């Protein structure tokens, strides 16, 4: 029910600066048969109409459906657990300065148990001073993968020992999946809801 309530809120909240959209939201009345099929499958899986990053993806309904399917697992059932996955998502959103991704997931991360000071540090582009052992491991893994395009032997060994090989695969997949969504949203210039605050832009 909480997931449904959040999704409905995001669907109904008007977005700002939509005039900049390069891949504008397609009204359901204008869906092609392929788009209608994708939208129907989306609603069956997520219990809500197409919203957020899936709106620009609807211009390629095949990609949207595949992305939604992967997200069904990585968002809700990852082997590292949903609290640590939300931390990973925030690190990815910060790396890509993806405002909408952050807007959605920062409140979810806090509700899942990530401390506000950890979220604030990531938002500001800083390594949080105080994290649990698991949080520090996930932060380092994701940061290395995003910034260095690789994971060091030391960090991989720690992740494998803690989460096992299946968990390491899921963690890397979360990085890749939310990078995909961040790329699509940034490409589309997808707008923030009116109550959203853009992430501070960090030095290049």
N, C-alpha and C. Protein backbone atom coordinates (compact mmCIF):
# COMPACT_ATOMS: atom_id res chain seq x y z
N UNK A 1 0.82 -1.20 0.00
CA UNK A 1 0.00 0.00 0.00
C UNK A 1 0.86 1.26 0.00
N UNK A 2 1.98 1.23 0.79
CA UNK A 2 2.86 2.40 0.81
C UNK A 2 3.44 2.66 -0.57
N UNK A 3 3.82 1.57 -1.26
CA UNK A 3 4.40 1.71 -2.59
C UNK A 3 3.38 2.32 -3.54
N UNK A 4 2.12 1.85 -3.44
CA UNK A 4 1.06 2.37 -4.30
C UNK A 4 0.80 3.83 -4.00
N UNK A 5 0.77 4.20 -2.71
CA UNK A 5 0.50 5.59 -2.35
C UNK A 5 1.58 6.51 -2.88
N UNK A 6 2.85 6.09 -2.79
CA UNK A 6 3.93 6.90 -3.32
C UNK A 6 3.81 7.05 -4.82
N UNK A 7 3.51 5.96 -5.51
CA UNK A 7 3.41 6.01 -6.96
C UNK A 7 2.27 6.93 -7.38
N UNK A 8 1.12 6.85 -6.69
CA UNK A 8 -0.01 7.71 -7.03
C UNK A 8 0.34 9.17 -6.81
N UNK A 9 1.05 9.45 -5.70
CA UNK A 9 1.48 10.82 -5.42
C UNK A 9 2.35 11.35 -6.54
N UNK A 10 3.29 10.53 -7.01
CA UNK A 10 4.20 10.96 -8.07
C UNK A 10 3.47 11.17 -9.37
N UNK A 11 2.44 10.33 -9.62
CA UNK A 11 1.68 10.47 -10.86
C UNK A 11 0.90 11.76 -10.86
N UNK A 12 0.32 12.11 -9.70
CA UNK A 12 -0.59 13.24 -9.63
C UNK A 12 0.11 14.57 -9.39
N UNK A 13 1.38 14.53 -8.97
CA UNK A 13 2.09 15.77 -8.68
C UNK A 13 2.54 16.42 -9.99
N UNK A 14 2.14 17.69 -10.25
CA UNK A 14 2.54 18.33 -11.50
C UNK A 14 4.03 18.58 -11.53
N UNK A 15 4.63 18.45 -12.69
CA UNK A 15 6.06 18.64 -12.83
C UNK A 15 6.36 20.05 -13.32
N UNK A 16 7.47 20.58 -12.83
CA UNK A 16 7.91 21.90 -13.24
C UNK A 16 8.80 21.80 -14.46
N UNK A 17 8.89 22.88 -15.20
CA UNK A 17 9.81 23.01 -16.33
C UNK A 17 9.61 21.92 -17.37
N UNK A 18 8.35 21.49 -17.56
CA UNK A 18 8.12 20.44 -18.53
C UNK A 18 8.31 20.95 -19.95
N UNK A 19 8.35 22.28 -20.14
CA UNK A 19 8.59 22.82 -21.46
C UNK A 19 9.94 22.44 -22.01
N UNK A 20 10.86 21.99 -21.13
CA UNK A 20 12.19 21.60 -21.58
C UNK A 20 12.24 20.14 -22.01
N UNK A 21 11.13 19.42 -21.84
CA UNK A 21 11.14 18.00 -22.17
C UNK A 21 11.53 17.77 -23.62
N UNK A 22 12.47 16.89 -23.83
CA UNK A 22 12.83 16.45 -25.17
C UNK A 22 12.04 15.21 -25.56
N UNK A 23 11.64 14.45 -24.54
CA UNK A 23 10.85 13.25 -24.74
C UNK A 23 9.58 13.40 -23.92
N UNK A 24 8.67 14.25 -24.38
CA UNK A 24 7.50 14.60 -23.56
C UNK A 24 6.62 13.39 -23.28
N UNK A 25 5.93 13.47 -22.15
CA UNK A 25 5.01 12.42 -21.76
C UNK A 25 3.92 12.26 -22.82
N UNK A 26 3.68 11.04 -23.22
CA UNK A 26 2.68 10.74 -24.25
C UNK A 26 1.32 10.55 -23.58
N UNK A 27 0.30 11.31 -23.95
CA UNK A 27 -1.02 11.08 -23.38
C UNK A 27 -1.51 9.67 -23.72
N UNK A 28 -2.11 8.98 -22.78
CA UNK A 28 -2.60 7.62 -23.06
C UNK A 28 -3.51 7.55 -24.27
N UNK A 29 -4.25 8.61 -24.53
CA UNK A 29 -5.15 8.61 -25.70
C UNK A 29 -4.39 8.56 -27.01
N UNK A 30 -3.09 8.85 -26.96
CA UNK A 30 -2.27 8.86 -28.18
C UNK A 30 -1.34 7.65 -28.26
N UNK A 31 -1.47 6.70 -27.36
CA UNK A 31 -0.62 5.53 -27.40
C UNK A 31 -0.83 4.73 -28.68
N UNK A 32 0.26 4.21 -29.20
CA UNK A 32 0.19 3.21 -30.25
C UNK A 32 -0.25 1.89 -29.61
N UNK A 33 -0.61 0.89 -30.40
CA UNK A 33 -0.95 -0.41 -29.80
C UNK A 33 0.20 -0.98 -28.96
N UNK A 34 1.43 -0.79 -29.40
CA UNK A 34 2.58 -1.29 -28.64
C UNK A 34 2.72 -0.55 -27.31
N UNK A 35 2.51 0.76 -27.35
CA UNK A 35 2.59 1.55 -26.13
C UNK A 35 1.46 1.19 -25.17
N UNK A 36 0.27 0.97 -25.70
CA UNK A 36 -0.85 0.58 -24.86
C UNK A 36 -0.59 -0.76 -24.18
N UNK A 37 -0.02 -1.69 -24.93
CA UNK A 37 0.31 -3.00 -24.36
C UNK A 37 1.34 -2.85 -23.24
N UNK A 38 2.35 -2.01 -23.47
CA UNK A 38 3.38 -1.78 -22.46
C UNK A 38 2.80 -1.11 -21.22
N UNK A 39 1.91 -0.15 -21.43
CA UNK A 39 1.29 0.56 -20.31
C UNK A 39 0.40 -0.37 -19.49
N UNK A 40 -0.32 -1.25 -20.17
CA UNK A 40 -1.18 -2.20 -19.47
C UNK A 40 -0.35 -3.16 -18.63
N UNK A 41 0.76 -3.64 -19.18
CA UNK A 41 1.65 -4.53 -18.44
C UNK A 41 2.28 -3.81 -17.26
N UNK A 42 2.63 -2.54 -17.45
CA UNK A 42 3.21 -1.75 -16.37
C UNK A 42 2.23 -1.63 -15.21
N UNK A 43 0.99 -1.27 -15.52
CA UNK A 43 -0.01 -1.09 -14.47
C UNK A 43 -0.32 -2.39 -13.76
N UNK A 44 -0.30 -3.49 -14.49
CA UNK A 44 -0.54 -4.79 -13.87
C UNK A 44 0.58 -5.14 -12.88
N UNK A 45 1.80 -4.77 -13.22
CA UNK A 45 2.95 -5.10 -12.37
C UNK A 45 3.11 -4.12 -11.21
N UNK A 46 2.92 -2.82 -11.48
CA UNK A 46 3.20 -1.80 -10.47
C UNK A 46 1.95 -1.25 -9.78
N UNK A 47 0.78 -1.65 -10.25
CA UNK A 47 -0.49 -1.20 -9.67
C UNK A 47 -0.68 0.31 -9.75
N UNK A 48 -0.12 0.91 -10.76
CA UNK A 48 -0.24 2.34 -10.99
C UNK A 48 0.07 2.61 -12.46
N UNK A 49 -0.49 3.68 -13.04
CA UNK A 49 -0.14 4.01 -14.43
C UNK A 49 1.34 4.37 -14.56
N UNK A 50 1.80 4.40 -15.79
CA UNK A 50 3.19 4.76 -16.10
C UNK A 50 3.51 6.12 -15.49
N UNK A 51 4.67 6.22 -14.83
CA UNK A 51 5.06 7.48 -14.20
C UNK A 51 6.58 7.59 -14.21
N UNK A 52 7.06 8.78 -13.84
CA UNK A 52 8.49 9.01 -13.63
C UNK A 52 9.34 8.65 -14.83
N UNK A 53 10.45 7.95 -14.61
CA UNK A 53 11.39 7.69 -15.70
C UNK A 53 10.80 6.84 -16.81
N UNK A 54 9.70 6.15 -16.51
CA UNK A 54 9.09 5.30 -17.52
C UNK A 54 8.28 6.11 -18.54
N UNK A 55 8.00 7.38 -18.22
CA UNK A 55 7.28 8.22 -19.18
C UNK A 55 8.13 8.51 -20.42
N UNK A 56 9.35 9.02 -20.29
CA UNK A 56 10.16 9.18 -21.50
C UNK A 56 10.48 7.85 -22.18
N UNK A 57 10.62 6.78 -21.38
CA UNK A 57 10.91 5.48 -21.97
C UNK A 57 9.76 4.96 -22.83
N UNK A 58 8.56 5.49 -22.63
CA UNK A 58 7.41 5.04 -23.41
C UNK A 58 7.57 5.34 -24.90
N UNK A 59 8.49 6.22 -25.26
CA UNK A 59 8.75 6.45 -26.68
C UNK A 59 9.37 5.21 -27.32
N UNK A 60 9.92 4.31 -26.49
CA UNK A 60 10.37 3.00 -26.95
C UNK A 60 9.76 1.98 -26.00
N UNK A 61 8.52 1.57 -26.26
CA UNK A 61 7.80 0.74 -25.28
C UNK A 61 8.50 -0.59 -24.99
N UNK A 62 9.25 -1.10 -25.94
CA UNK A 62 9.97 -2.34 -25.69
C UNK A 62 11.03 -2.15 -24.61
N UNK A 63 11.78 -1.05 -24.71
CA UNK A 63 12.79 -0.74 -23.70
C UNK A 63 12.11 -0.47 -22.36
N UNK A 64 11.01 0.26 -22.38
CA UNK A 64 10.30 0.56 -21.14
C UNK A 64 9.88 -0.72 -20.42
N UNK A 65 9.34 -1.67 -21.17
CA UNK A 65 8.88 -2.91 -20.55
C UNK A 65 10.04 -3.70 -19.97
N UNK A 66 11.14 -3.78 -20.70
CA UNK A 66 12.30 -4.50 -20.20
C UNK A 66 12.89 -3.81 -18.96
N UNK A 67 12.92 -2.48 -18.99
CA UNK A 67 13.44 -1.74 -17.84
C UNK A 67 12.54 -1.93 -16.63
N UNK A 68 11.23 -1.87 -16.85
CA UNK A 68 10.29 -2.06 -15.74
C UNK A 68 10.46 -3.44 -15.12
N UNK A 69 10.63 -4.45 -15.98
CA UNK A 69 10.79 -5.82 -15.49
C UNK A 69 12.04 -5.96 -14.64
N UNK A 70 13.14 -5.40 -15.07
CA UNK A 70 14.37 -5.46 -14.28
C UNK A 70 14.19 -4.70 -12.97
N UNK A 71 13.53 -3.55 -13.05
CA UNK A 71 13.30 -2.76 -11.85
C UNK A 71 12.40 -3.46 -10.85
N UNK A 72 11.47 -4.28 -11.33
CA UNK A 72 10.60 -5.02 -10.41
C UNK A 72 11.43 -5.85 -9.44
N UNK A 73 12.53 -6.40 -9.92
CA UNK A 73 13.39 -7.21 -9.06
C UNK A 73 14.38 -6.34 -8.28
N UNK A 74 15.14 -5.49 -9.00
CA UNK A 74 16.22 -4.76 -8.36
C UNK A 74 15.72 -3.76 -7.33
N UNK A 75 14.55 -3.19 -7.56
CA UNK A 75 14.01 -2.21 -6.62
C UNK A 75 13.44 -2.88 -5.37
N UNK A 76 12.78 -4.01 -5.54
CA UNK A 76 11.99 -4.56 -4.44
C UNK A 76 12.51 -5.87 -3.85
N UNK A 77 13.41 -6.57 -4.56
CA UNK A 77 13.83 -7.89 -4.07
C UNK A 77 15.33 -8.15 -4.21
N UNK A 78 16.19 -7.14 -4.16
CA UNK A 78 17.62 -7.40 -4.36
C UNK A 78 18.20 -8.21 -3.21
N UNK A 79 19.23 -8.97 -3.51
CA UNK A 79 19.82 -9.84 -2.50
C UNK A 79 20.58 -9.08 -1.43
N UNK A 80 20.86 -7.81 -1.63
CA UNK A 80 21.52 -7.01 -0.59
C UNK A 80 20.50 -6.35 0.32
N UNK A 81 19.22 -6.50 0.04
CA UNK A 81 18.19 -5.87 0.85
C UNK A 81 17.83 -4.49 0.34
N UNK A 82 16.64 -4.03 0.64
CA UNK A 82 16.16 -2.77 0.07
C UNK A 82 16.74 -1.54 0.77
N UNK A 83 17.20 -1.66 2.00
CA UNK A 83 17.80 -0.49 2.65
C UNK A 83 19.13 -0.15 1.99
N UNK A 84 20.00 -1.14 1.83
CA UNK A 84 21.28 -0.87 1.20
C UNK A 84 21.12 -0.53 -0.28
N UNK A 85 20.11 -1.10 -0.92
CA UNK A 85 19.90 -0.77 -2.33
C UNK A 85 19.51 0.71 -2.48
N UNK A 86 18.74 1.23 -1.52
CA UNK A 86 18.38 2.65 -1.59
C UNK A 86 19.60 3.54 -1.41
N UNK A 87 20.52 3.13 -0.55
CA UNK A 87 21.77 3.87 -0.42
C UNK A 87 22.52 3.88 -1.74
N UNK A 88 22.60 2.72 -2.39
CA UNK A 88 23.28 2.64 -3.68
C UNK A 88 22.62 3.54 -4.70
N UNK A 89 21.30 3.57 -4.71
CA UNK A 89 20.57 4.41 -5.67
C UNK A 89 20.91 5.88 -5.46
N UNK A 90 21.01 6.30 -4.20
CA UNK A 90 21.35 7.70 -3.93
C UNK A 90 22.73 8.06 -4.44
N UNK A 91 23.69 7.14 -4.28
CA UNK A 91 25.04 7.41 -4.77
C UNK A 91 25.04 7.55 -6.29
N UNK A 92 24.25 6.70 -6.95
CA UNK A 92 24.14 6.80 -8.41
C UNK A 92 23.47 8.11 -8.81
N UNK A 93 22.37 8.45 -8.15
CA UNK A 93 21.65 9.69 -8.47
C UNK A 93 22.54 10.91 -8.28
N UNK A 94 23.35 10.90 -7.22
CA UNK A 94 24.27 12.01 -6.97
C UNK A 94 25.35 12.08 -8.05
N UNK A 95 25.88 10.92 -8.42
CA UNK A 95 26.92 10.88 -9.45
C UNK A 95 26.43 11.50 -10.75
N UNK A 96 25.18 11.21 -11.11
CA UNK A 96 24.61 11.71 -12.36
C UNK A 96 23.87 13.03 -12.18
N UNK A 97 23.89 13.58 -10.97
CA UNK A 97 23.11 14.79 -10.66
C UNK A 97 21.71 14.65 -11.25
N UNK A 98 21.06 13.56 -10.89
CA UNK A 98 19.73 13.26 -11.41
C UNK A 98 18.69 13.67 -10.37
N UNK A 99 18.09 14.83 -10.60
CA UNK A 99 17.22 15.44 -9.60
C UNK A 99 15.99 14.60 -9.30
N UNK A 100 15.33 14.08 -10.32
CA UNK A 100 14.09 13.32 -10.09
C UNK A 100 14.38 12.01 -9.36
N UNK A 101 15.43 11.33 -9.75
CA UNK A 101 15.82 10.08 -9.09
C UNK A 101 16.08 10.34 -7.61
N UNK A 102 16.76 11.43 -7.32
CA UNK A 102 17.02 11.79 -5.92
C UNK A 102 15.72 12.16 -5.21
N UNK A 103 14.89 12.95 -5.85
CA UNK A 103 13.62 13.38 -5.27
C UNK A 103 12.78 12.19 -4.83
N UNK A 104 12.75 11.16 -5.63
CA UNK A 104 11.97 9.97 -5.31
C UNK A 104 12.63 9.14 -4.22
N UNK A 105 13.93 8.93 -4.33
CA UNK A 105 14.56 7.91 -3.50
C UNK A 105 15.14 8.42 -2.18
N UNK A 106 15.41 9.70 -2.05
CA UNK A 106 15.91 10.19 -0.76
C UNK A 106 14.90 9.95 0.37
N UNK A 107 13.62 10.28 0.19
CA UNK A 107 12.65 9.97 1.26
C UNK A 107 12.50 8.47 1.51
N UNK A 108 12.56 7.68 0.46
CA UNK A 108 12.45 6.22 0.61
C UNK A 108 13.64 5.70 1.41
N UNK A 109 14.83 6.21 1.11
CA UNK A 109 16.04 5.78 1.81
C UNK A 109 15.94 6.09 3.30
N UNK A 110 15.45 7.28 3.62
CA UNK A 110 15.33 7.65 5.02
C UNK A 110 14.33 6.75 5.74
N UNK A 111 13.19 6.48 5.10
CA UNK A 111 12.20 5.59 5.70
C UNK A 111 12.75 4.18 5.86
N UNK A 112 13.65 3.80 4.97
CA UNK A 112 14.23 2.45 5.03
C UNK A 112 15.31 2.33 6.10
N UNK A 113 15.74 3.47 6.67
CA UNK A 113 16.70 3.40 7.75
C UNK A 113 18.03 4.08 7.51
N UNK A 114 18.20 4.75 6.36
CA UNK A 114 19.42 5.50 6.12
C UNK A 114 19.31 6.84 6.85
N UNK A 115 20.30 7.16 7.66
CA UNK A 115 20.23 8.35 8.51
C UNK A 115 20.24 9.64 7.67
N UNK A 116 19.51 10.66 8.14
CA UNK A 116 19.47 11.93 7.39
C UNK A 116 20.85 12.53 7.14
N UNK A 117 21.77 12.39 8.11
CA UNK A 117 23.11 12.97 7.92
C UNK A 117 23.89 12.24 6.83
N UNK A 118 23.62 10.95 6.65
CA UNK A 118 24.25 10.20 5.56
C UNK A 118 23.70 10.68 4.23
N UNK A 119 22.39 10.85 4.17
CA UNK A 119 21.76 11.34 2.94
C UNK A 119 22.26 12.74 2.60
N UNK A 120 22.35 13.61 3.62
CA UNK A 120 22.80 14.99 3.39
C UNK A 120 24.23 15.02 2.86
N UNK A 121 25.10 14.17 3.41
CA UNK A 121 26.49 14.15 2.95
C UNK A 121 26.58 13.72 1.49
N UNK A 122 25.83 12.68 1.13
CA UNK A 122 25.85 12.22 -0.26
C UNK A 122 25.32 13.33 -1.16
N UNK A 123 24.24 13.98 -0.74
CA UNK A 123 23.67 15.08 -1.52
C UNK A 123 24.73 16.17 -1.79
N UNK A 124 25.55 16.44 -0.79
CA UNK A 124 26.56 17.50 -0.93
C UNK A 124 27.83 17.01 -1.62
N UNK A 125 27.86 15.73 -2.01
CA UNK A 125 29.03 15.20 -2.70
C UNK A 125 30.14 14.78 -1.77
N UNK A 126 29.82 14.53 -0.49
CA UNK A 126 30.82 14.14 0.50
C UNK A 126 30.63 12.68 0.91
N UNK A 127 31.72 12.04 1.29
CA UNK A 127 31.61 10.70 1.88
C UNK A 127 31.09 10.87 3.30
N UNK A 128 29.99 10.23 3.65
CA UNK A 128 29.46 10.39 5.01
C UNK A 128 30.48 10.01 6.06
N UNK A 129 30.51 10.78 7.15
CA UNK A 129 31.48 10.54 8.22
C UNK A 129 31.17 9.28 9.01
N UNK A 130 29.89 9.04 9.25
CA UNK A 130 29.49 7.92 10.08
C UNK A 130 28.52 7.03 9.32
N UNK A 131 28.96 5.82 9.01
CA UNK A 131 28.12 4.83 8.35
C UNK A 131 28.31 3.49 9.04
N UNK A 132 27.33 2.62 8.90
CA UNK A 132 27.52 1.25 9.35
C UNK A 132 28.54 0.57 8.44
N UNK A 133 29.03 -0.58 8.87
CA UNK A 133 29.99 -1.33 8.05
C UNK A 133 29.40 -1.66 6.69
N UNK A 134 28.15 -2.10 6.67
CA UNK A 134 27.50 -2.44 5.40
C UNK A 134 27.31 -1.21 4.53
N UNK A 135 26.90 -0.10 5.15
CA UNK A 135 26.70 1.13 4.37
C UNK A 135 28.02 1.60 3.76
N UNK A 136 29.09 1.56 4.53
CA UNK A 136 30.39 1.98 4.02
C UNK A 136 30.83 1.09 2.86
N UNK A 137 30.58 -0.19 2.97
CA UNK A 137 30.95 -1.12 1.91
C UNK A 137 30.18 -0.82 0.63
N UNK A 138 28.87 -0.62 0.75
CA UNK A 138 28.06 -0.32 -0.43
C UNK A 138 28.46 1.03 -1.01
N UNK A 139 28.66 2.02 -0.16
CA UNK A 139 29.08 3.34 -0.64
C UNK A 139 30.38 3.24 -1.43
N UNK A 140 31.36 2.54 -0.89
CA UNK A 140 32.66 2.43 -1.56
C UNK A 140 32.54 1.65 -2.87
N UNK A 141 31.78 0.57 -2.86
CA UNK A 141 31.60 -0.24 -4.07
C UNK A 141 30.98 0.60 -5.18
N UNK A 142 29.89 1.27 -4.86
CA UNK A 142 29.18 2.06 -5.88
C UNK A 142 30.03 3.24 -6.34
N UNK A 143 30.69 3.91 -5.40
CA UNK A 143 31.52 5.06 -5.76
C UNK A 143 32.66 4.65 -6.68
N UNK A 144 33.31 3.54 -6.36
CA UNK A 144 34.40 3.08 -7.22
C UNK A 144 33.88 2.72 -8.61
N UNK A 145 32.75 2.04 -8.66
CA UNK A 145 32.22 1.62 -9.96
C UNK A 145 31.81 2.83 -10.80
N UNK A 146 31.21 3.82 -10.15
CA UNK A 146 30.77 5.02 -10.89
C UNK A 146 31.96 5.90 -11.28
N UNK A 147 32.87 6.12 -10.35
CA UNK A 147 33.95 7.08 -10.60
C UNK A 147 35.13 6.48 -11.35
N UNK A 148 35.46 5.22 -11.03
CA UNK A 148 36.64 4.58 -11.62
C UNK A 148 36.29 3.61 -12.74
N UNK A 149 34.99 3.32 -12.87
CA UNK A 149 34.50 2.34 -13.85
C UNK A 149 34.99 0.93 -13.55
N UNK A 150 35.45 0.72 -12.36
CA UNK A 150 35.93 -0.57 -11.89
C UNK A 150 35.76 -0.64 -10.38
N UNK A 151 35.89 -1.85 -9.83
CA UNK A 151 35.87 -2.04 -8.39
C UNK A 151 37.20 -2.68 -7.99
N UNK A 152 37.85 -2.14 -6.99
CA UNK A 152 39.16 -2.64 -6.57
C UNK A 152 39.04 -4.06 -6.03
N UNK A 153 40.15 -4.78 -6.04
CA UNK A 153 40.16 -6.14 -5.50
C UNK A 153 39.74 -6.15 -4.03
N UNK A 154 40.22 -5.16 -3.28
CA UNK A 154 39.92 -5.12 -1.85
C UNK A 154 38.42 -4.93 -1.60
N UNK A 155 37.82 -4.00 -2.34
CA UNK A 155 36.39 -3.74 -2.16
C UNK A 155 35.57 -4.91 -2.65
N UNK A 156 35.97 -5.51 -3.77
CA UNK A 156 35.24 -6.68 -4.27
C UNK A 156 35.28 -7.81 -3.25
N UNK A 157 36.45 -8.05 -2.68
CA UNK A 157 36.60 -9.15 -1.72
C UNK A 157 35.69 -8.93 -0.51
N UNK A 158 35.62 -7.70 -0.03
CA UNK A 158 34.74 -7.40 1.11
C UNK A 158 33.28 -7.61 0.74
N UNK A 159 32.91 -7.16 -0.46
CA UNK A 159 31.52 -7.30 -0.90
C UNK A 159 31.16 -8.77 -1.08
N UNK A 160 32.07 -9.53 -1.66
CA UNK A 160 31.80 -10.96 -1.85
C UNK A 160 31.68 -11.68 -0.52
N UNK A 161 32.55 -11.35 0.42
CA UNK A 161 32.49 -11.99 1.73
C UNK A 161 31.18 -11.66 2.45
N UNK A 162 30.72 -10.42 2.28
CA UNK A 162 29.51 -9.98 2.99
C UNK A 162 28.24 -10.45 2.30
N UNK A 163 28.16 -10.32 0.97
CA UNK A 163 26.91 -10.55 0.25
C UNK A 163 26.92 -11.81 -0.62
N UNK A 164 28.09 -12.41 -0.81
CA UNK A 164 28.20 -13.53 -1.73
C UNK A 164 28.21 -13.05 -3.16
N UNK A 165 28.56 -13.93 -4.07
CA UNK A 165 28.60 -13.55 -5.48
C UNK A 165 27.24 -13.08 -5.99
N UNK A 166 26.12 -13.74 -5.61
CA UNK A 166 24.82 -13.23 -6.08
C UNK A 166 24.55 -11.79 -5.63
N UNK A 167 24.94 -11.47 -4.40
CA UNK A 167 24.73 -10.11 -3.92
C UNK A 167 25.59 -9.10 -4.65
N UNK A 168 26.84 -9.49 -4.97
CA UNK A 168 27.72 -8.60 -5.73
C UNK A 168 27.12 -8.33 -7.11
N UNK A 169 26.59 -9.36 -7.74
CA UNK A 169 25.95 -9.18 -9.06
C UNK A 169 24.77 -8.22 -8.94
N UNK A 170 23.95 -8.40 -7.90
CA UNK A 170 22.80 -7.53 -7.72
C UNK A 170 23.22 -6.09 -7.47
N UNK A 171 24.26 -5.89 -6.65
CA UNK A 171 24.72 -4.54 -6.35
C UNK A 171 25.22 -3.84 -7.61
N UNK A 172 26.01 -4.53 -8.41
CA UNK A 172 26.48 -3.94 -9.67
C UNK A 172 25.31 -3.67 -10.60
N UNK A 173 24.32 -4.57 -10.59
CA UNK A 173 23.14 -4.39 -11.45
C UNK A 173 22.33 -3.18 -11.02
N UNK A 174 22.21 -2.96 -9.71
CA UNK A 174 21.51 -1.77 -9.23
C UNK A 174 22.20 -0.51 -9.75
N UNK A 175 23.53 -0.51 -9.69
CA UNK A 175 24.28 0.63 -10.24
C UNK A 175 23.97 0.84 -11.71
N UNK A 176 23.98 -0.26 -12.47
CA UNK A 176 23.73 -0.15 -13.91
C UNK A 176 22.30 0.26 -14.21
N UNK A 177 21.35 -0.30 -13.49
CA UNK A 177 19.95 -0.01 -13.76
C UNK A 177 19.61 1.46 -13.48
N UNK A 178 20.06 1.95 -12.33
CA UNK A 178 19.73 3.34 -12.00
C UNK A 178 20.59 4.33 -12.76
N UNK A 179 21.73 3.88 -13.27
CA UNK A 179 22.47 4.70 -14.23
C UNK A 179 21.69 4.82 -15.53
N UNK A 180 21.11 3.71 -15.99
CA UNK A 180 20.27 3.75 -17.19
C UNK A 180 19.13 4.75 -17.01
N UNK A 181 18.42 4.66 -15.89
CA UNK A 181 17.30 5.58 -15.67
C UNK A 181 17.79 7.03 -15.57
N UNK A 182 18.92 7.24 -14.91
CA UNK A 182 19.46 8.60 -14.80
C UNK A 182 19.83 9.15 -16.17
N UNK A 183 20.44 8.32 -17.01
CA UNK A 183 20.78 8.75 -18.36
C UNK A 183 19.54 9.13 -19.16
N UNK A 184 18.52 8.30 -19.07
CA UNK A 184 17.29 8.58 -19.81
C UNK A 184 16.63 9.86 -19.31
N UNK A 185 16.57 10.03 -18.00
CA UNK A 185 15.95 11.23 -17.43
C UNK A 185 16.74 12.48 -17.78
N UNK A 186 18.06 12.41 -17.70
CA UNK A 186 18.89 13.56 -18.05
C UNK A 186 18.79 13.87 -19.55
N UNK A 187 18.74 12.84 -20.36
CA UNK A 187 18.57 13.05 -21.80
C UNK A 187 17.26 13.74 -22.10
N UNK A 188 16.20 13.31 -21.40
CA UNK A 188 14.86 13.86 -21.63
C UNK A 188 14.67 15.22 -20.97
N UNK A 189 15.58 15.60 -20.07
CA UNK A 189 15.39 16.79 -19.24
C UNK A 189 14.06 16.69 -18.49
N UNK A 190 13.84 15.54 -17.92
CA UNK A 190 12.60 15.29 -17.20
C UNK A 190 12.54 16.19 -15.97
N UNK A 191 11.42 16.87 -15.79
CA UNK A 191 11.32 17.90 -14.77
C UNK A 191 11.06 17.38 -13.37
N UNK A 192 11.38 18.22 -12.40
CA UNK A 192 11.08 17.95 -11.00
C UNK A 192 9.64 18.36 -10.69
N UNK A 193 8.97 17.66 -9.76
CA UNK A 193 7.72 18.20 -9.23
C UNK A 193 7.97 19.57 -8.61
N UNK A 194 6.91 20.36 -8.48
CA UNK A 194 7.05 21.75 -8.02
C UNK A 194 7.61 21.84 -6.61
N UNK A 195 7.43 20.79 -5.81
CA UNK A 195 7.96 20.83 -4.45
C UNK A 195 9.38 20.27 -4.37
N UNK A 196 9.96 19.95 -5.51
CA UNK A 196 11.31 19.39 -5.52
C UNK A 196 12.38 20.47 -5.52
N UNK A 197 13.54 20.13 -5.00
CA UNK A 197 14.70 21.02 -4.98
C UNK A 197 15.83 20.36 -5.76
N UNK A 198 16.38 21.03 -6.77
CA UNK A 198 17.47 20.42 -7.54
C UNK A 198 18.68 20.12 -6.67
N UNK A 199 19.38 19.07 -7.02
CA UNK A 199 20.65 18.78 -6.35
C UNK A 199 21.64 19.90 -6.60
N UNK A 200 22.49 20.22 -5.63
CA UNK A 200 23.54 21.20 -5.89
C UNK A 200 24.48 20.67 -6.96
N UNK A 201 24.86 21.54 -7.87
CA UNK A 201 25.78 21.13 -8.93
C UNK A 201 27.19 21.12 -8.36
N UNK A 202 27.90 20.03 -8.59
CA UNK A 202 29.23 19.87 -8.05
C UNK A 202 30.28 20.26 -9.10
N UNK A 203 31.48 20.64 -8.67
CA UNK A 203 32.55 20.95 -9.63
C UNK A 203 32.82 19.75 -10.52
N UNK A 204 33.09 20.03 -11.79
CA UNK A 204 33.41 18.95 -12.72
C UNK A 204 34.76 18.34 -12.37
